[in-house]
Amino acid sequence: MSEATTVVEQPKKTAKKFKMPQEFSILLVLIGIAAVFEILGWMQRDQSFLYNPQGLLIMILQVSEIGLIAVGVTMIIIAGGIDLASGSVVALSAMVAASLAQAAGYDRAVYPGLVNLPVLLPVLAGLAVGALTGLINGAITVKMRVPAFIATLGMMVSARGLARYYTGGQPISMFTDDYMWIGSGSNPVIIFLAVAMFFHVVLRYTRFGKSVYAIGGNVQAARVSGINVGRTLMIVYMIGGLLSGLAGIVVSARAQTGQSGMGMSYELDAIAAAVIGGTSLAGGVGRITGTVIGALILGVISSGFTFLGIDSYLQEIVKGLIIVAAVVADQFRKKRVH
């Protein structure tokens, strides 16, 4: 009689598939666009687009200004909101900070008795104005249950009006050397990168950041899990306003003037940078690193068009098409996941 032997099969270990980060595909798009402009530059002008130090410096400085706003906007969109007021907040914060940063000996100073102040005071004033506008946006959205689109649209109009009313539409100039230092050289770039890295860590590796993603993904589930949704949203909008205020300080220091027309359409560029960088307008999805690359894509397109001498109006058309394409790609990505 033969003994039956049973063989126990061990479950096969399935190798984990390496998932390419979403930012990698966006980075490839950036490289591809830069390569196209480089080729067209040699074909049309016999010049290099990428090896144009002055043009690249201007582009990076502009990207830094938009990027500061885009970091805050990204957080707001991830939380399921929107901010249309950031460009106007840039102007208002720039005007307030600039009025307190004027040097002595200028007969048209906004506050003749408040000149040559320590640079910390105008900086804190500009940041406070930005944070306050963001807090108001958050309060109207959370406490009064007004849709974020309407709340921030109202703030966009009001903040721009306040910026004009502040000095009767007159520009502000003659700043102290310490204030102008903020916008000199590569300082705006350093400020932008420091802010982007800080909030990347906050979003990805802190309880607050996980709460932001949870609220944007499913607000009801976030409430059930114990997240204080109202407080978190208020903080997110306040951070967005704070970064718009910081952008206003940087813009005015770099331009060495404060004007009520500053930051015009910056909110659209910031939203575009976030969406191009992979942030979903439906909320719950997005990364600061993607937004940084998205801002660079917009900067390369703008600088490339200027480099080639192409009509500036076409930039807006192309930018609009890119935004639509990014949103469509996001919709296809969500359908594929579900």
Protein backbone atom coordinates (compact mmCIF):
# COMPACT_ATOMS: atom_id res chain seq x y z
CA MET A 1 0.00 0.00 0.00
CA SER A 2 1.62 3.26 -1.15
CA GLU A 3 1.56 6.28 1.01
CA ALA A 4 0.02 9.38 -0.54
CA THR A 5 2.14 12.40 -0.24
CA THR A 6 0.63 15.85 -0.20
CA VAL A 7 2.57 18.78 -1.42
CA VAL A 8 1.70 22.13 0.05
CA GLU A 9 2.25 24.81 -2.50
CA GLN A 10 3.71 28.02 -1.19
CA PRO A 11 1.92 31.17 -2.37
CA LYS A 12 3.91 32.88 -5.03
CA LYS A 13 5.28 36.22 -4.09
CA THR A 14 4.21 38.85 -6.53
CA ALA A 15 6.77 41.47 -7.19
CA LYS A 16 5.59 44.96 -6.45
CA LYS A 17 5.35 47.07 -9.51
CA PHE A 18 7.29 50.28 -9.36
CA LYS A 19 4.89 53.15 -9.73
CA MET A 20 6.38 56.18 -11.41
CA PRO A 21 5.71 59.40 -9.48
CA GLN A 22 3.14 61.62 -11.14
CA GLU A 23 5.60 64.53 -11.08
CA PHE A 24 7.92 62.57 -13.40
CA SER A 25 5.50 62.78 -16.32
CA ILE A 26 4.99 66.49 -15.69
CA LEU A 27 8.76 66.94 -15.60
CA LEU A 28 9.02 65.21 -18.98
CA VAL A 29 6.47 67.70 -20.35
CA LEU A 30 8.61 70.56 -19.02
CA ILE A 31 11.75 69.12 -20.65
CA GLY A 32 9.88 68.57 -23.92
CA ILE A 33 8.56 72.16 -24.05
CA ALA A 34 12.02 73.57 -23.28
CA ALA A 35 13.54 71.36 -26.01
CA VAL A 36 10.99 72.61 -28.55
CA PHE A 37 11.84 76.24 -27.79
CA GLU A 38 15.55 75.42 -27.95
CA ILE A 39 15.14 73.90 -31.44
CA LEU A 40 12.96 76.78 -32.66
CA GLY A 41 15.47 79.26 -31.25
CA TRP A 42 18.28 77.82 -33.35
CA MET A 43 16.06 77.52 -36.41
CA GLN A 44 14.60 81.04 -36.32
CA ARG A 45 17.21 83.15 -34.51
CA ASP A 46 20.33 81.01 -34.47
CA GLN A 47 20.39 81.50 -30.70
CA SER A 48 19.98 79.24 -27.69
CA PHE A 49 16.90 79.52 -25.52
CA LEU A 50 18.32 77.50 -22.63
CA TYR A 51 21.70 79.21 -22.59
CA ASN A 52 20.34 82.73 -22.30
CA PRO A 53 21.31 83.72 -18.73
CA GLN A 54 19.47 87.05 -18.63
CA GLY A 55 16.23 85.62 -20.03
CA LEU A 56 16.34 82.58 -17.75
CA LEU A 57 16.96 84.77 -14.69
CA ILE A 58 13.92 86.93 -15.48
CA MET A 59 11.85 83.78 -16.04
CA ILE A 60 12.89 82.21 -12.72
CA LEU A 61 12.17 85.43 -10.82
CA GLN A 62 8.68 85.63 -12.33
CA VAL A 63 8.07 81.97 -11.59
CA SER A 64 9.06 82.58 -7.97
CA GLU A 65 6.42 85.29 -7.56
CA ILE A 66 3.65 83.16 -9.08
CA GLY A 67 4.98 80.09 -7.30
CA LEU A 68 4.57 81.62 -3.84
CA ILE A 69 0.86 82.16 -4.53
CA ALA A 70 0.53 78.77 -6.21
CA VAL A 71 1.75 76.94 -3.10
CA GLY A 72 -1.09 78.42 -1.06
CA VAL A 73 -3.61 77.92 -3.86
CA THR A 74 -2.56 74.26 -4.15
CA MET A 75 -3.34 73.65 -0.50
CA ILE A 76 -6.74 75.33 -0.85
CA ILE A 77 -7.64 73.28 -3.94
CA ILE A 78 -6.51 70.03 -2.29
CA ALA A 79 -8.88 70.86 0.58
CA GLY A 80 -11.72 71.17 -1.94
CA GLY A 81 -11.78 74.96 -2.20
CA ILE A 82 -10.69 77.67 -4.61
CA ASP A 83 -9.11 81.11 -4.26
CA LEU A 84 -9.74 83.82 -6.85
CA ALA A 85 -8.53 86.68 -4.63
CA SER A 86 -4.81 85.96 -4.43
CA GLY A 87 -3.78 88.40 -7.17
CA SER A 88 -5.70 91.28 -5.56
CA VAL A 89 -4.30 90.37 -2.14
CA VAL A 90 -0.82 90.66 -3.65
CA ALA A 91 -1.61 94.27 -4.62
CA LEU A 92 -3.14 95.19 -1.25
CA SER A 93 -0.31 93.64 0.75
CA ALA A 94 2.28 95.27 -1.51
CA MET A 95 0.71 98.70 -0.98
CA VAL A 96 0.52 98.38 2.81
CA ALA A 97 4.04 96.98 3.16
CA ALA A 98 5.47 99.54 0.75
CA SER A 99 3.87 102.45 2.63
CA LEU A 100 5.76 101.40 5.78
CA ALA A 101 9.05 100.72 3.98
CA GLN A 102 9.72 104.23 2.68
CA ALA A 103 13.02 105.95 3.38
CA ALA A 104 13.45 109.38 4.95
CA GLY A 105 13.86 112.48 2.81
CA TYR A 106 10.94 111.82 0.46
CA ASP A 107 8.37 114.61 0.50
CA ARG A 108 5.57 112.38 -0.84
CA ALA A 109 5.80 109.66 1.78
CA VAL A 110 2.47 108.07 2.69
CA TYR A 111 3.27 108.33 6.40
CA PRO A 112 5.90 111.10 6.83
CA GLY A 113 6.27 110.25 10.52
CA LEU A 114 6.86 106.56 9.83
CA VAL A 115 9.97 106.40 7.66
CA ASN A 116 13.19 104.39 7.96
CA LEU A 117 11.35 101.77 10.00
CA PRO A 118 13.05 98.43 10.69
CA VAL A 119 12.37 96.12 7.74
CA LEU A 120 10.56 93.65 10.00
CA LEU A 121 7.62 96.05 10.48
CA PRO A 122 6.57 96.46 6.81
CA VAL A 123 7.11 92.72 6.28
CA LEU A 124 4.88 91.82 9.21
CA ALA A 125 2.28 94.36 8.05
CA GLY A 126 2.16 92.85 4.56
CA LEU A 127 1.93 89.31 5.93
CA ALA A 128 -0.80 90.37 8.38
CA VAL A 129 -2.89 91.89 5.59
CA GLY A 130 -2.58 88.70 3.54
CA ALA A 131 -3.39 86.43 6.49
CA LEU A 132 -6.41 88.58 7.43
CA THR A 133 -7.89 88.43 3.94
CA GLY A 134 -7.41 84.67 3.91
CA LEU A 135 -9.06 84.38 7.32
CA ILE A 136 -12.03 86.41 6.09
CA ASN A 137 -12.33 84.15 3.04
CA GLY A 138 -12.25 81.11 5.29
CA ALA A 139 -14.81 82.56 7.71
CA ILE A 140 -17.25 83.44 4.94
CA THR A 141 -16.85 79.99 3.41
CA VAL A 142 -17.00 77.97 6.63
CA LYS A 143 -19.19 79.99 8.98
CA MET A 144 -21.62 81.52 6.49
CA ARG A 145 -21.52 78.52 4.12
CA VAL A 146 -20.97 80.76 1.09
CA PRO A 147 -19.37 78.87 -1.84
CA ALA A 148 -15.63 79.53 -1.98
CA PHE A 149 -15.94 80.72 -5.58
CA ILE A 150 -18.31 83.54 -4.55
CA ALA A 151 -16.49 84.41 -1.32
CA THR A 152 -13.09 84.76 -2.95
CA LEU A 153 -14.54 86.51 -6.00
CA GLY A 154 -15.93 89.17 -3.66
CA MET A 155 -12.57 89.47 -1.93
CA MET A 156 -10.85 89.78 -5.32
CA VAL A 157 -12.89 92.87 -6.15
CA SER A 158 -12.77 94.34 -2.64
CA ALA A 159 -9.01 93.87 -2.11
CA ARG A 160 -8.23 95.45 -5.48
CA GLY A 161 -10.49 98.39 -4.61
CA LEU A 162 -8.82 98.79 -1.21
CA ALA A 163 -5.39 98.76 -2.85
CA ARG A 164 -6.47 101.64 -5.10
CA TYR A 165 -8.24 103.54 -2.32
CA TYR A 166 -5.24 103.25 0.03
CA THR A 167 -3.27 105.96 -1.81
CA GLY A 168 -5.90 107.21 -4.25
CA GLY A 169 -4.37 105.12 -7.01
CA GLN A 170 -0.92 106.70 -6.57
CA PRO A 171 2.16 104.45 -6.62
CA ILE A 172 4.53 104.21 -3.66
CA SER A 173 8.30 104.38 -4.06
CA MET A 174 11.59 105.32 -2.33
CA PHE A 175 12.11 102.27 -0.10
CA THR A 176 14.81 101.57 2.43
CA ASP A 177 17.76 99.48 1.30
CA ASP A 178 16.81 96.67 3.68
CA TYR A 179 13.37 96.34 2.13
CA MET A 180 14.68 96.40 -1.45
CA TRP A 181 17.18 93.68 -0.49
CA ILE A 182 14.25 91.23 -0.21
CA GLY A 183 13.68 91.45 -3.97
CA SER A 184 17.32 91.73 -5.05
CA GLY A 185 19.37 89.09 -6.83
CA SER A 186 18.25 85.52 -6.28
CA ASN A 187 16.50 86.24 -2.96
CA PRO A 188 12.96 85.78 -4.41
CA VAL A 189 14.00 82.35 -5.71
CA ILE A 190 15.44 81.35 -2.33
CA ILE A 191 12.28 82.50 -0.56
CA PHE A 192 10.09 80.56 -2.99
CA LEU A 193 12.08 77.33 -2.72
CA ALA A 194 12.16 77.56 1.10
CA VAL A 195 8.38 78.08 1.22
CA ALA A 196 7.73 75.25 -1.26
CA MET A 197 9.92 72.78 0.65
CA PHE A 198 8.37 73.72 3.99
CA PHE A 199 4.78 73.26 2.86
CA HIS A 200 5.67 70.10 0.93
CA VAL A 201 6.77 68.60 4.25
CA VAL A 202 3.67 69.99 6.02
CA LEU A 203 1.30 68.45 3.48
CA ARG A 204 2.98 65.07 3.14
CA TYR A 205 4.25 64.30 6.63
CA THR A 206 2.10 66.06 9.24
CA ARG A 207 -1.31 65.37 10.75
CA PHE A 208 -2.51 68.73 9.47
CA GLY A 209 -1.48 67.84 5.92
CA LYS A 210 -3.27 64.50 6.09
CA SER A 211 -6.37 66.32 7.33
CA VAL A 212 -6.24 68.64 4.33
CA TYR A 213 -6.17 65.67 1.95
CA ALA A 214 -8.94 63.91 3.87
CA ILE A 215 -11.24 66.94 3.70
CA GLY A 216 -10.70 67.32 -0.03
CA GLY A 217 -11.23 63.61 -0.63
CA ASN A 218 -14.44 63.21 1.38
CA VAL A 219 -15.51 65.93 3.79
CA GLN A 220 -18.17 63.78 5.49
CA ALA A 221 -15.72 60.95 6.11
CA ALA A 222 -13.24 63.50 7.47
CA ARG A 223 -15.84 64.74 9.98
CA VAL A 224 -16.69 61.20 11.08
CA SER A 225 -12.99 60.45 11.64
CA GLY A 226 -12.77 63.35 14.08
CA ILE A 227 -11.15 66.03 11.93
CA ASN A 228 -12.19 69.59 12.77
CA VAL A 229 -13.12 70.49 9.19
CA GLY A 230 -14.04 74.11 9.84
CA ARG A 231 -10.86 74.95 11.71
CA THR A 232 -8.65 73.19 9.16
CA LEU A 233 -10.27 75.04 6.25
CA MET A 234 -9.87 78.37 8.06
CA ILE A 235 -6.16 77.68 8.53
CA VAL A 236 -5.75 76.62 4.89
CA TYR A 237 -7.34 79.83 3.60
CA MET A 238 -5.28 81.88 6.05
CA ILE A 239 -2.08 80.23 4.78
CA GLY A 240 -3.16 80.99 1.21
CA GLY A 241 -3.65 84.65 2.11
CA LEU A 242 -0.38 84.74 4.04
CA LEU A 243 1.58 83.48 1.02
CA SER A 244 -0.18 86.00 -1.24
CA GLY A 245 0.92 88.69 1.22
CA LEU A 246 4.48 87.38 1.07
CA ALA A 247 4.32 87.46 -2.72
CA GLY A 248 3.17 91.10 -2.53
CA ILE A 249 6.20 91.97 -0.41
CA VAL A 250 8.58 90.22 -2.80
CA VAL A 251 6.97 91.78 -5.90
CA SER A 252 7.09 95.33 -4.52
CA ALA A 253 10.65 94.93 -3.24
CA ARG A 254 11.84 93.58 -6.60
CA ALA A 255 10.03 96.28 -8.61
CA GLN A 256 11.04 98.94 -6.04
CA THR A 257 7.51 100.31 -6.15
CA GLY A 258 4.08 99.52 -4.79
CA GLN A 259 1.17 99.82 -7.22
CA SER A 260 -2.48 98.90 -7.00
CA GLY A 261 -2.28 97.12 -10.37
CA MET A 262 0.24 94.57 -9.13
CA GLY A 263 -0.71 90.92 -9.18
CA MET A 264 -3.21 91.28 -12.02
CA SER A 265 -4.32 87.80 -13.15
CA TYR A 266 -1.81 86.17 -10.80
CA GLU A 267 -4.63 84.10 -9.32
CA LEU A 268 -5.27 82.49 -12.69
CA ASP A 269 -1.59 81.73 -13.21
CA ALA A 270 -1.41 80.21 -9.72
CA ILE A 271 -4.44 78.00 -10.34
CA ALA A 272 -3.01 77.03 -13.72
CA ALA A 273 0.33 76.07 -12.15
CA ALA A 274 -1.44 73.90 -9.58
CA VAL A 275 -3.69 72.17 -12.15
CA ILE A 276 -0.85 71.61 -14.62
CA GLY A 277 1.17 70.18 -11.75
CA GLY A 278 -1.44 67.49 -11.14
CA THR A 279 -3.67 69.05 -8.48
CA SER A 280 -7.26 67.94 -9.00
CA LEU A 281 -9.91 70.65 -8.96
CA ALA A 282 -12.20 68.08 -7.33
CA GLY A 283 -9.93 68.12 -4.26
CA GLY A 284 -7.98 65.50 -2.37
CA VAL A 285 -5.17 65.15 -4.92
CA GLY A 286 -2.05 67.22 -5.51
CA ARG A 287 1.53 67.89 -4.48
CA ILE A 288 3.61 71.01 -4.01
CA THR A 289 6.41 69.50 -6.11
CA GLY A 290 4.01 69.16 -9.04
CA THR A 291 2.92 72.78 -8.60
CA VAL A 292 6.54 73.94 -8.73
CA ILE A 293 7.01 72.10 -12.03
CA GLY A 294 3.68 73.51 -13.28
CA ALA A 295 4.85 77.05 -12.50
CA LEU A 296 8.09 76.34 -14.38
CA ILE A 297 6.10 75.12 -17.39
CA LEU A 298 4.14 78.39 -17.48
CA GLY A 299 7.37 80.35 -17.10
CA VAL A 300 9.10 78.46 -19.91
CA ILE A 301 6.12 79.00 -22.23
CA SER A 302 5.95 82.72 -21.47
CA SER A 303 9.71 83.21 -21.82
CA GLY A 304 9.86 81.02 -24.93
CA PHE A 305 7.20 83.05 -26.70
CA THR A 306 8.97 86.28 -25.79
CA PHE A 307 12.31 84.82 -26.91
CA LEU A 308 10.87 83.90 -30.31
CA GLY A 309 9.10 87.25 -30.68
CA ILE A 310 5.65 85.62 -30.91
CA ASP A 311 2.57 87.75 -30.22
CA SER A 312 1.99 87.96 -26.47
CA TYR A 313 -1.75 87.39 -26.93
CA LEU A 314 -1.00 83.87 -28.11
CA GLN A 315 0.48 83.15 -24.68
CA GLU A 316 -2.95 83.49 -23.09
CA ILE A 317 -4.50 81.21 -25.72
CA VAL A 318 -1.86 78.53 -25.20
CA LYS A 319 -2.11 78.88 -21.41
CA GLY A 320 -5.87 78.39 -21.57
CA LEU A 321 -5.51 75.31 -23.76
CA ILE A 322 -2.94 73.83 -21.39
CA ILE A 323 -5.26 74.34 -18.41
CA VAL A 324 -8.14 72.64 -20.24
CA ALA A 325 -5.87 69.79 -21.31
CA ALA A 326 -4.66 69.33 -17.72
CA VAL A 327 -8.24 69.20 -16.39
CA VAL A 328 -9.26 66.71 -19.11
CA ALA A 329 -6.24 64.55 -18.27
CA ASP A 330 -7.26 64.65 -14.61
CA GLN A 331 -10.78 63.48 -15.48
CA PHE A 332 -9.42 60.54 -17.51
CA ARG A 333 -7.05 59.65 -14.68
CA LYS A 334 -9.92 59.56 -12.14
CA LYS A 335 -12.07 57.39 -14.47
CA ARG A 336 -9.19 54.97 -14.91
CA VAL A 337 -8.72 54.70 -11.13
CA HIS A 338 -12.42 54.06 -10.51
